[in-house]
Protein backbone atom coordinates (compact mmCIF):
# COMPACT_ATOMS: atom_id res chain seq x y z
CA MET A 1 -8.00 0.31 -2.84
CA VAL A 2 -8.18 -0.49 -6.24
CA TRP A 3 -6.36 0.69 -9.35
CA CYS A 4 -7.75 0.00 -12.97
CA GLY A 5 -5.02 -0.48 -15.75
CA PRO A 6 -1.33 -1.00 -15.57
CA THR A 7 0.32 0.92 -12.74
CA THR A 8 4.17 0.99 -12.70
CA GLY A 9 6.01 2.64 -9.97
CA THR A 10 8.80 1.10 -7.51
CA TRP A 11 9.03 -0.22 -3.80
CA SER A 12 10.79 0.01 -0.78
CA VAL A 13 10.64 -1.00 2.82
CA SER A 14 11.48 1.36 5.31
CA PRO A 15 14.78 1.31 7.25
CA ASP A 16 12.58 0.25 10.81
CA ASN A 17 10.87 -2.80 8.65
CA GLN A 18 7.63 -1.11 9.81
CA ARG A 19 6.42 0.84 6.52
CA LEU A 20 5.92 -0.06 2.82
CA ILE A 21 6.12 2.10 0.50
CA LEU A 22 5.03 2.28 -3.06
CA GLU A 23 6.71 5.21 -4.84
CA ASN A 24 6.80 7.25 -8.03
CA LEU A 25 2.95 5.53 -9.10
CA THR A 26 2.03 6.22 -12.89
CA PRO A 27 -1.09 6.99 -12.61
CA LYS A 28 -0.91 8.89 -9.50
CA PRO A 29 -3.67 6.95 -7.24
CA SER A 30 -6.52 9.92 -6.37
CA GLY A 31 -5.05 12.72 -3.95
CA SER A 32 -1.94 11.95 -3.62
CA ILE A 33 1.70 12.92 -5.16
CA GLY A 34 2.71 8.86 -6.58
CA THR A 35 3.69 7.42 -3.18
CA VAL A 36 1.53 5.40 -0.77
CA GLU A 37 2.57 4.35 2.31
CA PHE A 38 1.27 0.98 4.43
CA TYR A 39 2.53 0.14 7.71
CA ILE A 40 3.37 -3.38 8.41
CA THR A 41 1.15 -4.59 11.10
CA ALA A 42 2.19 -8.25 11.50
CA THR A 43 5.12 -10.16 11.10
CA PRO A 44 5.28 -11.28 7.20
CA THR A 45 5.31 -14.84 6.13
CA GLU A 46 4.97 -16.56 3.04
CA ALA A 47 1.41 -16.96 3.28
CA GLU A 48 0.36 -13.43 4.20
CA LEU A 49 1.55 -9.92 4.25
CA HIS A 50 -0.94 -7.42 6.78
CA LEU A 51 -0.97 -3.80 6.30
CA LEU A 52 -2.64 -0.72 7.59
CA ARG A 53 -2.41 2.36 5.56
CA THR A 54 -0.78 5.61 6.56
CA SER A 55 -3.08 7.99 5.46
CA GLU A 56 -6.67 8.41 5.10
CA SER A 57 -8.09 7.48 1.47
CA ARG A 58 -10.87 9.85 0.05
CA LYS A 59 -11.89 7.24 -2.55
CA THR A 60 -13.19 4.76 0.63
CA GLY A 61 -14.87 7.53 2.93
CA ASN A 62 -11.55 9.14 4.06
CA SER A 63 -11.57 5.65 5.93
CA VAL A 64 -7.66 4.21 6.94
CA ASN A 65 -8.21 1.05 5.58
CA GLU A 66 -6.46 -2.31 6.40
CA TYR A 67 -4.87 -5.20 3.77
CA LEU A 68 -4.35 -8.08 3.97
CA LEU A 69 -2.16 -9.62 0.81
CA VAL A 70 -1.90 -13.48 0.15
CA PRO A 71 -0.21 -14.92 -3.06
CA ALA A 72 -2.03 -16.16 -5.97
CA ASN A 73 -2.58 -19.58 -6.52
């Protein structure tokens, strides 16, 4: 997922700690109402966060994408 330019919004983790929720995103990602959700697919560590998009992404050919977030140097 690539958003060009600055993006603002808020994030939260679902009450069951299973989803990362990005809300009130500005600008709104294509095909969304300003909310994007990801499943947290492994226990987060200081070194990485594994995510799986909860819905298809139009920008990637309607695929459900996996992401691995790692801290910057």
